[in-house]
Amino acid sequence: MISVEVALGHLFELVAPLEKEEVPLLEAAGRVLAEPVLAARDQPPFAASAMDGYAARASDVHEGAELSVIGEAAAGHAFEGQLGHQEAVRIFTGAPVPDGADIVVLQEDVDRSETSITITDRHKVENWIRPAGGDFQAGHLIDAPRMLRSADVALLAAMNIATVHVHRAPVVALISTGDELVMPGEAPGPDQIVASNSFGLAALLRDLGAIPRLLPIARDSKAALNTVFDLATGADIIVTIGGASVGDHDLVGSVAADRGLDRSFYKVAMRPGKPLMAGRMGDAVLLGLPGNPVSAMVCGHVFLTPMIHRLQGLEAAPRLRRTARLAVPMPPNGPREHYMRATLKTGELTPDSRQDSSLLSVLAGANALLIRPPKDPARERGALVDYLPL
């Protein structure tokens, strides 16, 4: 068995950033920017009022001053004239500041008559003007690679960018294996269970910005498995779930070998998830996950997620670990790295008392995977430990 670190190294050797494509900005969220982008304009493009009030000259503004109101400026409708001495322009948030004005007096800090305003004692000296280019200026850089969040998309739109170059979204074929499985909504036989792993992994992949292809369940025969493998043509990664161990009905390894699999490794010193297999099969990477539901999902977080990030153009790196303090003492760990379902609350981690790899309800109730290194000694309450957020 190899370590998780070594396994990740082999997986990164199997994947490389996918080709670039140009997409409309409306479709850019969750994609990885492939080329740097420069702003095409200043934001704001003019000095703009930050509040509703009156634009004036600061030298004219003091308690008791009376200013003549000579016009109005609204967002999208500038005042075209020149502001003179002891004059003011009614102005609304976002409107261009008139020529000659260098302060906006809040509307609640004046008394208004039909044609003039009087500055009251409520006025506080602040200009309430957003300077031209105060947010960003033409040439402002958004560097690549970068996973585009909603805030990034808003910034790109403000920069007057209509399309961006991103890496193609990875396509991942998901194949559940086993005679014991039926699809959700079907009536299981007395010796069958409902397939869950592929649906959980598909949801994870969508969250990552990948495109999952959920293929039919492969029954326990070489012919059935070959048929489903044929349906995976065009995928960047083929993920098999179950059938990768060494039992009489575990056929993934032998069928994949017959199809030319160049295997990188088999078995990782971790729990849950030991029977993990990977290699290259034709144009795709094959990742064989364990069949136990929690094992498959944990391997999805630990191995599949970094692979997707790499295909998207991000750095080849494991998921970033965080640290927190233990809420309870823990006994020594065994020889394999252990990813324990846990709950993080008020900065402390509490591992669930049940860690069986078949218990999806425990995984659904967890918000972290507490990581115990191999042969980690006993830990006291309050000890710092690593974890992955879920």
Protein backbone atom coordinates (compact mmCIF):
# COMPACT_ATOMS: atom_id res chain seq x y z
CA MET A 1 0.00 0.00 0.00
CA ILE A 2 1.10 3.53 -0.71
CA SER A 3 0.42 6.69 1.27
CA VAL A 4 -2.24 9.25 0.42
CA GLU A 5 0.49 11.72 -0.50
CA VAL A 6 2.15 9.29 -2.92
CA ALA A 7 -1.22 8.35 -4.43
CA LEU A 8 -2.01 12.01 -5.07
CA GLY A 9 1.38 12.41 -6.76
CA HIS A 10 0.55 9.57 -9.14
CA LEU A 11 -2.88 11.05 -9.87
CA PHE A 12 -1.40 14.45 -10.71
CA GLU A 13 0.88 12.72 -13.21
CA LEU A 14 -2.24 11.40 -14.95
CA VAL A 15 -4.05 14.74 -15.39
CA ALA A 16 -3.18 18.07 -16.98
CA PRO A 17 -5.14 21.29 -17.59
CA LEU A 18 -7.77 20.90 -20.29
CA GLU A 19 -7.93 23.05 -23.40
CA LYS A 20 -9.27 26.61 -23.30
CA GLU A 21 -12.63 27.81 -24.56
CA GLU A 22 -14.32 31.19 -24.74
CA VAL A 23 -17.62 31.49 -22.88
CA PRO A 24 -20.11 34.31 -22.29
CA LEU A 25 -19.69 36.01 -18.94
CA LEU A 26 -23.10 34.71 -17.86
CA GLU A 27 -21.67 31.16 -18.02
CA ALA A 28 -18.32 31.92 -16.34
CA ALA A 29 -19.17 31.36 -12.66
CA GLY A 30 -17.52 28.22 -11.31
CA ARG A 31 -15.09 28.03 -14.23
CA VAL A 32 -11.35 28.62 -14.04
CA LEU A 33 -10.02 31.66 -15.87
CA ALA A 34 -7.40 30.53 -18.38
CA GLU A 35 -6.07 33.92 -19.54
CA PRO A 36 -5.53 37.18 -17.65
CA VAL A 37 -8.14 39.91 -18.19
CA LEU A 38 -7.56 43.68 -18.22
CA ALA A 39 -10.25 46.23 -17.40
CA ALA A 40 -11.37 48.22 -20.42
CA ARG A 41 -12.53 51.27 -18.42
CA ASP A 42 -12.35 53.13 -15.12
CA GLN A 43 -14.93 52.44 -12.42
CA PRO A 44 -16.65 54.70 -11.70
CA PRO A 45 -15.94 56.45 -15.03
CA PHE A 46 -16.72 59.83 -13.43
CA ALA A 47 -16.81 61.35 -9.97
CA ALA A 48 -20.17 60.19 -8.61
CA SER A 49 -22.35 61.06 -5.66
CA ALA A 50 -22.33 58.48 -2.89
CA MET A 51 -25.57 59.76 -1.34
CA ASP A 52 -28.76 61.69 -2.10
CA GLY A 53 -28.22 65.39 -1.37
CA TYR A 54 -26.89 68.58 -2.92
CA ALA A 55 -23.66 69.08 -4.86
CA ALA A 56 -21.86 72.30 -3.97
CA ARG A 57 -18.47 73.96 -3.49
CA ALA A 58 -16.92 73.03 -0.14
CA SER A 59 -15.84 76.63 0.40
CA ASP A 60 -19.51 77.67 0.36
CA VAL A 61 -20.68 75.03 2.86
CA HIS A 62 -20.92 76.02 6.53
CA GLU A 63 -23.68 76.24 9.09
CA GLY A 64 -26.31 78.79 8.06
CA ALA A 65 -25.06 79.19 4.48
CA GLU A 66 -27.82 79.66 1.91
CA LEU A 67 -27.24 78.23 -1.57
CA SER A 68 -29.38 78.63 -4.69
CA VAL A 69 -30.54 75.34 -6.26
CA ILE A 70 -29.92 75.68 -10.00
CA GLY A 71 -30.67 72.17 -11.30
CA GLU A 72 -30.70 68.41 -10.77
CA ALA A 73 -28.43 65.43 -11.48
CA ALA A 74 -29.62 61.81 -11.40
CA ALA A 75 -28.02 58.46 -12.27
CA GLY A 76 -27.73 58.43 -16.04
CA HIS A 77 -28.64 62.12 -16.29
CA ALA A 78 -25.80 64.57 -15.59
CA PHE A 79 -26.27 68.27 -14.88
CA GLU A 80 -24.84 69.93 -17.97
CA GLY A 81 -24.05 73.37 -16.57
CA GLN A 82 -21.24 74.80 -14.46
CA LEU A 83 -21.72 75.19 -10.71
CA GLY A 84 -20.95 78.69 -9.50
CA HIS A 85 -20.32 80.43 -6.16
CA GLN A 86 -23.11 79.91 -3.57
CA GLU A 87 -24.96 77.53 -5.90
CA ALA A 88 -26.05 73.90 -5.44
CA VAL A 89 -27.41 71.11 -7.63
CA ARG A 90 -29.90 68.54 -6.35
CA ILE A 91 -28.09 65.21 -6.80
CA PHE A 92 -28.97 61.55 -6.34
CA THR A 93 -26.82 58.51 -5.58
CA GLY A 94 -24.73 57.43 -8.56
CA ALA A 95 -25.16 60.67 -10.50
CA PRO A 96 -22.12 62.44 -11.99
CA VAL A 97 -20.88 65.31 -9.81
CA PRO A 98 -21.34 68.62 -11.68
CA ASP A 99 -18.34 70.63 -12.83
CA GLY A 100 -17.26 72.99 -10.08
CA ALA A 101 -18.64 70.88 -7.19
CA ASP A 102 -16.34 69.17 -4.70
CA ILE A 103 -18.78 68.16 -1.95
CA VAL A 104 -22.22 66.57 -1.58
CA VAL A 105 -24.25 67.74 1.40
CA LEU A 106 -26.69 65.10 2.67
CA GLN A 107 -30.32 65.97 2.09
CA GLU A 108 -31.05 65.54 5.79
CA ASP A 109 -28.43 68.20 6.62
CA VAL A 110 -30.25 71.05 4.86
CA ASP A 111 -33.49 72.94 5.09
CA ARG A 112 -35.02 73.22 1.62
CA SER A 113 -37.15 76.03 0.25
CA GLU A 114 -38.53 76.21 -3.27
CA THR A 115 -35.35 77.61 -4.83
CA SER A 116 -32.62 77.31 -2.20
CA ILE A 117 -31.16 75.28 0.68
CA THR A 118 -29.80 76.34 4.06
CA ILE A 119 -27.02 74.29 5.68
CA THR A 120 -28.08 73.20 9.18
CA ASP A 121 -26.10 72.44 12.31
CA ARG A 122 -26.52 68.74 11.57
CA HIS A 123 -23.99 68.93 8.74
CA LYS A 124 -20.79 66.94 9.17
CA VAL A 125 -17.78 67.68 6.98
CA GLU A 126 -17.53 64.78 4.54
CA ASN A 127 -17.59 65.12 0.78
CA TRP A 128 -19.67 61.99 -0.10
CA ILE A 129 -18.10 61.78 -3.55
CA ARG A 130 -16.77 58.60 -5.12
CA PRO A 131 -13.73 59.62 -7.19
CA ALA A 132 -13.38 58.57 -10.82
CA GLY A 133 -11.45 55.29 -10.95
CA GLY A 134 -11.85 54.85 -7.19
CA ASP A 135 -12.85 51.18 -7.58
CA PHE A 136 -10.50 50.25 -10.42
CA GLN A 137 -8.89 51.86 -13.45
CA ALA A 138 -8.46 50.80 -17.07
CA GLY A 139 -5.77 48.13 -17.16
CA HIS A 140 -6.73 46.61 -13.80
CA LEU A 141 -5.63 42.95 -13.93
CA ILE A 142 -7.51 39.80 -13.00
CA ASP A 143 -4.82 37.15 -13.23
CA ALA A 144 -5.16 33.50 -14.24
CA PRO A 145 -5.66 30.77 -13.23
CA ARG A 146 -8.52 31.78 -10.96
CA MET A 147 -11.76 30.06 -10.01
CA LEU A 148 -14.42 32.62 -10.89
CA ARG A 149 -16.85 33.33 -8.06
CA SER A 150 -19.98 35.43 -8.30
CA ALA A 151 -18.03 38.50 -7.09
CA ASP A 152 -15.45 37.95 -9.85
CA VAL A 153 -18.20 37.80 -12.47
CA ALA A 154 -19.65 41.08 -11.16
CA LEU A 155 -16.19 42.68 -11.35
CA LEU A 156 -15.64 41.41 -14.90
CA ALA A 157 -19.00 42.83 -15.96
CA ALA A 158 -18.09 46.22 -14.43
CA MET A 159 -14.83 46.03 -16.36
CA ASN A 160 -16.94 45.80 -19.55
CA ILE A 161 -15.80 42.24 -20.30
CA ALA A 162 -18.43 40.25 -22.23
CA THR A 163 -16.59 36.92 -22.69
CA VAL A 164 -13.69 35.17 -20.96
CA HIS A 165 -11.34 32.31 -21.78
CA VAL A 166 -11.68 29.43 -19.34
CA HIS A 167 -10.52 25.83 -19.22
CA ARG A 168 -13.04 23.33 -20.51
CA ALA A 169 -15.20 21.76 -17.81
CA PRO A 170 -14.02 18.20 -17.06
CA VAL A 171 -16.41 15.41 -18.05
CA VAL A 172 -16.55 12.56 -15.55
CA ALA A 173 -18.31 9.27 -16.29
CA LEU A 174 -19.66 7.56 -13.16
CA ILE A 175 -20.13 3.78 -13.20
CA SER A 176 -21.64 1.94 -10.24
CA THR A 177 -21.02 -1.81 -10.33
CA GLY A 178 -22.81 -4.77 -8.77
CA ASP A 179 -25.84 -7.05 -9.09
CA GLU A 180 -26.99 -5.81 -5.68
CA LEU A 181 -27.76 -2.28 -6.88
CA VAL A 182 -30.94 -0.65 -8.14
CA MET A 183 -31.57 2.98 -9.01
CA PRO A 184 -33.39 5.31 -6.60
CA GLY A 185 -37.13 5.01 -7.09
CA GLU A 186 -36.97 1.35 -8.13
CA ALA A 187 -38.16 -1.48 -5.90
CA PRO A 188 -35.12 -3.34 -4.51
CA GLY A 189 -35.29 -7.12 -4.28
CA PRO A 190 -34.80 -8.83 -0.93
CA ASP A 191 -31.03 -8.96 -1.46
CA GLN A 192 -30.55 -5.56 -3.12
CA ILE A 193 -29.79 -1.99 -2.05
CA VAL A 194 -30.29 1.40 -3.67
CA ALA A 195 -27.32 2.95 -5.48
CA SER A 196 -26.25 6.10 -3.66
CA ASN A 197 -22.54 6.64 -4.32
CA SER A 198 -22.88 7.80 -7.92
CA PHE A 199 -25.53 10.35 -6.98
CA GLY A 200 -23.40 11.79 -4.16
CA LEU A 201 -20.35 11.97 -6.41
CA ALA A 202 -22.37 13.58 -9.21
CA ALA A 203 -23.48 16.30 -6.76
CA LEU A 204 -19.87 16.81 -5.65
CA LEU A 205 -18.70 17.10 -9.26
CA ARG A 206 -21.37 19.69 -10.08
CA ASP A 207 -20.28 21.73 -7.07
CA LEU A 208 -16.72 21.61 -8.44
CA GLY A 209 -17.77 22.85 -11.89
CA ALA A 210 -17.33 19.48 -13.61
CA ILE A 211 -19.88 17.69 -15.81
CA PRO A 212 -20.95 14.30 -14.40
CA ARG A 213 -22.29 11.59 -16.72
CA LEU A 214 -24.22 9.02 -14.73
CA LEU A 215 -24.01 5.75 -16.68
CA PRO A 216 -26.14 2.60 -16.21
CA ILE A 217 -25.26 0.24 -13.39
CA ALA A 218 -22.72 -2.35 -14.57
CA ARG A 219 -23.80 -5.83 -13.54
CA ASP A 220 -21.31 -8.43 -12.31
CA SER A 221 -20.17 -9.78 -15.66
CA LYS A 222 -17.35 -8.83 -17.98
CA ALA A 223 -19.76 -8.31 -20.85
CA ALA A 224 -21.91 -5.89 -18.85
CA LEU A 225 -18.90 -3.95 -17.60
CA ASN A 226 -17.45 -3.71 -21.11
CA THR A 227 -20.76 -2.41 -22.43
CA VAL A 228 -20.87 0.38 -19.84
CA PHE A 229 -17.19 1.20 -20.39
CA ASP A 230 -18.05 1.70 -24.07
CA LEU A 231 -20.65 4.30 -23.02
CA ALA A 232 -17.94 6.27 -21.20
CA THR A 233 -16.20 7.24 -24.44
CA GLY A 234 -15.27 10.93 -24.44
CA ALA A 235 -14.98 11.31 -20.68
CA ASP A 236 -11.85 12.83 -19.18
CA ILE A 237 -12.13 10.65 -16.07
CA ILE A 238 -13.97 7.35 -15.69
CA VAL A 239 -14.90 6.68 -12.07
CA THR A 240 -15.92 3.15 -11.18
CA ILE A 241 -17.59 2.54 -7.83
CA GLY A 242 -17.15 -0.92 -6.34
CA GLY A 243 -15.71 -3.98 -8.04
CA ALA A 244 -12.09 -2.85 -7.62
CA SER A 245 -11.19 -5.20 -4.77
CA VAL A 246 -10.04 -8.81 -5.04
CA GLY A 247 -13.28 -10.75 -4.55
CA ASP A 248 -14.65 -13.25 -7.06
CA HIS A 249 -17.16 -10.64 -8.31
CA ASP A 250 -14.72 -7.71 -8.42
CA LEU A 251 -14.11 -7.43 -12.15
CA VAL A 252 -13.09 -3.82 -12.74
CA GLY A 253 -9.34 -4.45 -12.59
CA SER A 254 -9.31 -7.39 -14.98
CA VAL A 255 -11.75 -5.84 -17.50
CA ALA A 256 -9.81 -2.56 -17.43
CA ALA A 257 -6.55 -4.45 -17.95
CA ASP A 258 -8.07 -6.21 -20.98
CA ARG A 259 -8.93 -2.73 -22.33
CA GLY A 260 -5.32 -1.56 -22.01
CA LEU A 261 -5.26 -0.02 -18.54
CA ASP A 262 -1.81 1.28 -17.61
CA ARG A 263 -2.24 1.01 -13.85
CA SER A 264 -0.48 3.55 -11.61
CA PHE A 265 -1.31 2.04 -8.22
CA TYR A 266 -3.68 -0.15 -6.28
CA LYS A 267 -4.46 0.19 -2.54
CA VAL A 268 -3.81 3.22 -0.38
CA ALA A 269 -2.92 3.22 3.33
CA MET A 270 -6.03 5.09 4.44
CA ARG A 271 -9.37 4.45 6.03
CA PRO A 272 -11.94 4.47 4.72
CA GLY A 273 -10.91 3.90 1.12
CA LYS A 274 -8.07 1.35 1.00
CA PRO A 275 -9.08 -0.49 -2.25
CA LEU A 276 -8.40 2.49 -4.53
CA MET A 277 -7.11 1.97 -8.05
CA ALA A 278 -5.98 4.42 -10.74
CA GLY A 279 -4.35 4.48 -14.13
CA ARG A 280 -4.75 5.55 -17.74
CA MET A 281 -7.12 3.68 -20.03
CA GLY A 282 -7.10 4.99 -23.58
CA ASP A 283 -7.78 8.73 -23.60
CA ALA A 284 -9.24 8.75 -20.08
CA VAL A 285 -8.01 8.44 -16.53
CA LEU A 286 -9.59 5.54 -14.65
CA LEU A 287 -10.22 6.01 -10.94
CA GLY A 288 -11.58 2.91 -9.23
CA LEU A 289 -13.27 3.79 -5.93
CA PRO A 290 -14.38 1.45 -3.15
CA GLY A 291 -18.03 0.42 -3.06
CA ASN A 292 -18.83 1.37 0.52
CA PRO A 293 -20.73 4.67 0.38
CA VAL A 294 -18.61 6.63 2.84
CA SER A 295 -15.39 5.26 1.35
CA ALA A 296 -16.43 6.43 -2.11
CA MET A 297 -17.40 9.90 -0.91
CA VAL A 298 -14.26 10.35 1.21
CA CYS A 299 -12.12 9.36 -1.79
CA GLY A 300 -14.13 11.85 -3.84
CA HIS A 301 -13.10 14.64 -1.47
CA VAL A 302 -9.50 13.53 -1.02
CA PHE A 303 -8.58 12.38 -4.55
CA LEU A 304 -11.20 13.26 -7.16
CA THR A 305 -11.54 16.90 -6.08
CA PRO A 306 -7.82 17.76 -6.57
CA MET A 307 -7.87 15.93 -9.92
CA ILE A 308 -10.79 18.08 -11.09
CA HIS A 309 -9.02 21.23 -9.92
CA ARG A 310 -5.95 20.26 -11.94
CA LEU A 311 -7.97 19.57 -15.08
CA GLN A 312 -9.57 22.99 -14.64
CA GLY A 313 -6.15 24.63 -14.71
CA LEU A 314 -5.53 25.10 -10.99
CA GLU A 315 -2.39 24.04 -9.14
CA ALA A 316 -1.66 20.35 -8.71
CA ALA A 317 -2.07 20.27 -4.95
CA PRO A 318 -3.99 18.37 -2.28
CA ARG A 319 -7.03 20.01 -0.75
CA LEU A 320 -5.94 22.63 1.77
CA ARG A 321 -6.11 21.28 5.31
CA ARG A 322 -7.24 23.38 8.23
CA THR A 323 -6.63 22.98 11.95
CA ALA A 324 -8.91 22.96 14.97
CA ARG A 325 -8.82 21.74 18.55
CA LEU A 326 -10.25 18.42 19.68
CA ALA A 327 -13.39 18.63 21.77
CA VAL A 328 -12.73 15.17 23.21
CA PRO A 329 -9.65 13.00 23.90
CA MET A 330 -8.79 10.36 21.29
CA PRO A 331 -6.98 7.01 21.47
CA PRO A 332 -3.93 6.20 19.31
CA ASN A 333 -4.49 5.72 15.58
CA GLY A 334 -3.59 2.60 13.62
CA PRO A 335 -1.16 2.21 10.68
CA ARG A 336 -3.42 3.91 8.09
CA GLU A 337 -4.29 7.59 7.72
CA HIS A 338 -7.82 7.91 9.08
CA TYR A 339 -10.42 10.35 7.73
CA MET A 340 -13.01 10.51 10.49
CA ARG A 341 -16.43 12.07 10.11
CA ALA A 342 -16.63 14.90 12.61
CA THR A 343 -18.55 18.00 13.56
CA LEU A 344 -16.82 21.38 13.81
CA LYS A 345 -18.57 23.71 16.23
CA THR A 346 -17.24 26.87 17.91
CA GLY A 347 -13.72 26.00 16.79
CA GLU A 348 -13.69 22.45 18.19
CA LEU A 349 -13.87 19.10 16.41
CA THR A 350 -15.93 16.20 17.71
CA PRO A 351 -15.52 12.89 15.83
CA ASP A 352 -18.65 10.79 15.56
CA SER A 353 -18.62 7.67 17.73
CA ARG A 354 -19.58 5.59 14.66
CA GLN A 355 -17.02 5.43 11.85
CA ASP A 356 -18.22 2.41 9.86
CA SER A 357 -17.73 3.11 6.15
CA SER A 358 -21.31 2.13 5.30
CA LEU A 359 -23.01 4.83 7.41
CA LEU A 360 -24.14 7.63 5.10
CA SER A 361 -26.28 9.20 7.82
CA VAL A 362 -23.13 9.92 9.82
CA LEU A 363 -21.46 11.49 6.78
CA ALA A 364 -24.54 13.62 6.09
CA GLY A 365 -24.45 14.88 9.68
CA ALA A 366 -20.75 15.77 9.54
CA ASN A 367 -19.22 19.03 8.35
CA ALA A 368 -15.56 17.97 8.53
CA LEU A 369 -13.19 15.05 8.01
CA LEU A 370 -10.81 14.87 10.96
CA ILE A 371 -7.46 13.51 9.75
CA ARG A 372 -5.40 11.18 11.94
CA PRO A 373 -1.89 10.48 10.59
CA PRO A 374 -0.66 6.87 10.58
CA LYS A 375 0.30 5.71 14.09
CA ASP A 376 -0.77 9.06 15.54
CA PRO A 377 -0.39 8.87 19.36
CA ALA A 378 -3.27 9.42 21.76
CA ARG A 379 -4.49 13.03 21.81
CA GLU A 380 -5.87 15.00 24.71
CA ARG A 381 -8.85 17.31 24.55
CA GLY A 382 -7.70 20.64 23.12
CA ALA A 383 -4.95 19.17 20.92
CA LEU A 384 -4.62 20.71 17.47
CA VAL A 385 -5.58 18.37 14.61
CA ASP A 386 -5.96 18.68 10.83
CA TYR A 387 -9.28 18.46 9.05
CA LEU A 388 -10.93 18.92 5.67
CA PRO A 389 -14.15 20.94 5.62
CA LEU A 390 -17.17 19.25 4.04
